[in-house]
Protein backbone atom coordinates (compact mmCIF):
# COMPACT_ATOMS: atom_id res chain seq x y z
CA UNK A 1 50.48 -17.07 46.26
CA UNK A 2 53.88 -15.54 47.17
CA UNK A 3 56.41 -17.71 48.96
CA UNK A 4 56.76 -17.18 52.70
CA UNK A 5 59.92 -15.38 53.77
CA UNK A 6 62.13 -17.80 55.71
CA UNK A 7 64.90 -15.50 56.96
CA UNK A 8 65.39 -12.67 59.45
CA UNK A 9 66.25 -9.35 57.83
CA UNK A 10 68.55 -8.29 60.70
CA UNK A 11 70.63 -11.47 60.54
CA UNK A 12 70.93 -11.24 56.77
CA UNK A 13 71.85 -7.55 56.86
CA UNK A 14 74.47 -8.33 59.53
CA UNK A 15 76.18 -10.82 57.21
CA UNK A 16 75.94 -8.51 54.22
CA UNK A 17 77.26 -5.59 56.30
CA UNK A 18 80.37 -7.59 57.16
CA UNK A 19 80.90 -8.47 53.51
CA UNK A 20 80.62 -4.84 52.37
CA UNK A 21 82.90 -3.80 55.24
CA UNK A 22 85.57 -6.31 54.18
CA UNK A 23 85.40 -5.81 50.43
CA UNK A 24 83.66 -2.50 49.79
CA UNK A 25 80.63 -1.85 47.64
CA UNK A 26 82.21 -2.06 44.20
CA UNK A 27 84.23 -5.18 44.94
CA UNK A 28 81.21 -7.11 46.21
CA UNK A 29 79.05 -8.91 43.67
CA UNK A 30 75.44 -9.97 44.09
CA UNK A 31 76.62 -13.58 43.78
CA UNK A 32 78.88 -13.06 46.82
CA UNK A 33 76.03 -11.42 48.71
CA UNK A 34 73.77 -14.37 47.92
CA UNK A 35 76.45 -16.87 48.99
CA UNK A 36 77.24 -14.99 52.21
CA UNK A 37 73.64 -14.39 53.20
CA UNK A 38 72.43 -17.87 52.32
CA UNK A 39 69.34 -16.31 50.76
CA UNK A 40 68.35 -16.72 47.13
CA UNK A 41 68.82 -13.68 44.93
CA UNK A 42 65.15 -13.25 44.12
CA UNK A 43 64.22 -13.55 47.79
CA UNK A 44 66.71 -10.82 48.66
CA UNK A 45 65.36 -8.56 45.94
CA UNK A 46 61.77 -9.17 47.02
CA UNK A 47 62.33 -8.77 50.76
CA UNK A 48 65.08 -6.15 50.99
CA UNK A 49 65.93 -4.76 47.58
CA UNK A 50 68.78 -4.42 45.11
CA UNK A 51 72.51 -4.18 45.91
CA UNK A 52 72.36 -0.43 46.52
CA UNK A 53 69.44 -0.82 48.93
CA UNK A 54 71.27 -3.64 50.71
CA UNK A 55 74.30 -1.36 51.07
CA UNK A 56 72.20 1.44 52.54
CA UNK A 57 70.62 -1.04 54.95
CA UNK A 58 74.11 -2.23 55.92
CA UNK A 59 75.20 1.36 56.60
CA UNK A 60 72.10 1.89 58.72
CA UNK A 61 72.76 -1.31 60.66
CA UNK A 62 76.37 -0.27 61.27
CA UNK A 63 75.17 3.13 62.47
CA UNK A 64 72.69 1.60 64.88
CA UNK A 65 75.14 -0.95 66.29
CA UNK A 66 78.02 1.48 66.69
CA UNK A 67 76.06 4.26 68.34
CA UNK A 68 74.21 1.87 70.65
CA UNK A 69 77.49 0.24 71.68
CA UNK A 70 79.19 3.61 72.26
CA UNK A 71 76.27 4.96 74.29
CA UNK A 72 76.22 1.87 76.50
CA UNK A 73 79.99 2.04 77.03
CA UNK A 74 79.73 5.75 77.88
CA UNK A 75 77.02 5.08 80.45
CA UNK A 76 79.05 2.29 82.07
CA UNK A 77 82.15 4.48 82.28
CA UNK A 78 80.22 7.42 83.70
CA UNK A 79 78.46 5.21 86.26
CA UNK A 80 81.85 3.90 87.39
CA UNK A 81 83.03 7.49 87.97
CA UNK A 82 85.27 7.83 84.90
CA UNK A 83 86.25 11.38 84.00
CA UNK A 84 85.50 13.04 80.66
CA UNK A 85 88.95 12.31 79.18
CA UNK A 86 88.55 8.60 79.87
CA UNK A 87 85.14 8.54 78.21
CA UNK A 88 86.49 10.57 75.29
CA UNK A 89 89.42 8.17 74.97
CA UNK A 90 86.96 5.30 74.61
CA UNK A 91 85.07 7.15 71.86
CA UNK A 92 88.28 8.04 70.06
CA UNK A 93 89.91 4.60 70.06
CA UNK A 94 86.85 2.32 70.15
CA UNK A 95 87.23 -0.60 67.74
CA UNK A 96 90.20 0.92 65.90
CA UNK A 97 92.23 -2.22 66.43
CA UNK A 98 89.52 -4.84 66.93
CA UNK A 99 90.84 -8.07 65.38
CA UNK A 100 87.29 -9.48 65.22
CA UNK A 101 86.20 -7.04 62.53
CA UNK A 102 87.50 -5.66 59.24
CA UNK A 103 90.03 -2.83 59.34
CA UNK A 104 88.87 0.74 59.46
CA UNK A 105 85.27 1.76 59.64
CA UNK A 106 82.38 1.00 57.29
CA UNK A 107 81.46 4.69 57.10
CA UNK A 108 85.01 5.85 56.36
CA UNK A 109 85.18 3.13 53.71
CA UNK A 110 81.93 4.44 52.20
CA UNK A 111 83.39 7.94 51.99
CA UNK A 112 86.53 6.58 50.34
CA UNK A 113 84.48 4.65 47.77
CA UNK A 114 81.71 7.11 47.00
CA UNK A 115 82.94 10.56 48.00
CA UNK A 116 80.03 12.81 47.07
CA UNK A 117 78.82 10.81 44.05
CA UNK A 118 75.88 9.11 45.80
CA UNK A 119 73.55 11.34 47.80
CA UNK A 120 71.95 8.42 49.68
CA UNK A 121 75.33 7.15 50.87
CA UNK A 122 76.47 10.67 51.67
CA UNK A 123 73.32 11.24 53.74
CA UNK A 124 73.85 7.98 55.68
CA UNK A 125 77.48 8.89 56.38
CA UNK A 126 76.61 12.45 57.42
CA UNK A 127 73.91 11.18 59.76
CA UNK A 128 76.33 8.73 61.38
CA UNK A 129 79.13 11.26 61.83
CA UNK A 130 76.73 13.89 63.16
CA UNK A 131 75.55 11.44 65.82
CA UNK A 132 79.15 10.47 66.70
CA UNK A 133 80.07 14.15 66.83
CA UNK A 134 77.17 14.78 69.21
CA UNK A 135 78.44 12.06 71.58
CA UNK A 136 81.98 13.46 71.55
CA UNK A 137 80.77 17.03 71.94
CA UNK A 138 78.63 16.15 74.96
CA UNK A 139 81.60 14.50 76.68
CA UNK A 140 83.86 17.46 75.91
CA UNK A 141 81.22 19.84 77.27
CA UNK A 142 81.18 17.89 80.55
CA UNK A 143 84.97 18.04 80.64
CA UNK A 144 84.88 21.78 80.05
CA UNK A 145 82.33 22.21 82.84
CA UNK A 146 84.64 20.37 85.25
CA UNK A 147 87.64 22.34 83.92
CA UNK A 148 89.34 19.16 82.79
CA UNK A 149 89.23 20.21 79.13
CA UNK A 150 90.13 23.60 77.69
CA UNK A 151 87.27 25.95 76.92
CA UNK A 152 89.05 28.26 74.47
CA UNK A 153 86.97 26.67 71.70
CA UNK A 154 83.45 25.28 71.63
CA UNK A 155 82.88 21.66 72.51
CA UNK A 156 81.62 21.10 68.96
CA UNK A 157 84.78 22.53 67.37
CA UNK A 158 87.00 20.38 69.59
CA UNK A 159 84.85 17.30 68.93
CA UNK A 160 85.03 17.95 65.18
CA UNK A 161 88.85 18.02 65.28
CA UNK A 162 88.94 14.82 67.31
CA UNK A 163 86.43 13.04 65.08
CA UNK A 164 88.39 14.00 61.97
CA UNK A 165 91.55 12.61 63.57
CA UNK A 166 89.68 9.36 64.25
CA UNK A 167 88.42 9.18 60.66
CA UNK A 168 91.98 9.71 59.42
CA UNK A 169 93.21 6.84 61.59
CA UNK A 170 90.44 4.60 60.31
CA UNK A 171 91.45 5.37 56.75
CA UNK A 172 95.11 4.61 57.49
CA UNK A 173 94.14 1.32 59.13
CA UNK A 174 92.12 0.38 56.05
CA UNK A 175 95.23 1.06 53.96
CA UNK A 176 97.10 -1.51 56.04
CA UNK A 177 99.08 0.97 58.14
CA UNK A 178 99.76 0.31 61.82
CA UNK A 179 99.63 3.74 63.47
CA UNK A 180 100.43 4.02 67.15
CA UNK A 181 96.96 4.72 68.56
CA UNK A 182 98.27 5.39 72.08
CA UNK A 183 100.68 8.02 70.75
CA UNK A 184 97.85 9.73 68.84
CA UNK A 185 95.72 9.64 71.95
CA UNK A 186 98.50 11.19 74.03
CA UNK A 187 98.79 14.04 71.50
CA UNK A 188 95.09 14.94 71.54
CA UNK A 189 94.94 14.69 75.34
CA UNK A 190 97.73 17.26 75.57
CA UNK A 191 95.92 19.47 73.08
CA UNK A 192 92.64 19.30 75.02
CA UNK A 193 94.16 19.90 78.46
CA UNK A 194 96.63 22.74 77.85
């Protein structure tokens, strides 16, 4: 008779996600995953899968948490009467300098580590960035409708430029740089409101 599982997948994935975020995929061993999760190796394999599967689950968890958090923050800002630029500012700078989490962004780190060599990772990253792009694009569209944001380009094209700037900042933060986020934000605000 198989042993009864004695851990919660979500809690374990949360711990493993943080480990991958801090160290990256290739610099994280299964022994470190076992030690961090507090779950025996065989139990992890049986319940969740191998290291690659754990990484994909961590990416999925990050996606879910980030998008849920952003959507809730957007709703709160909109309910309080915030304009589109304020909401967009939140999406642009959210968690860039959060001392309670590793530097950068788990998805940007995945791109840096894997590039296009792993189709499963690439698919997870694309899915995440497409969802983030959709959030930014919707806010820009609202700003264009209220004539707060320029409409010389589509909301999607403007959101893509802004998202790529955010990804670049996340990469620089992961490298240990200390870019002036407020200065970057001032530059894109001027660009969007000309």
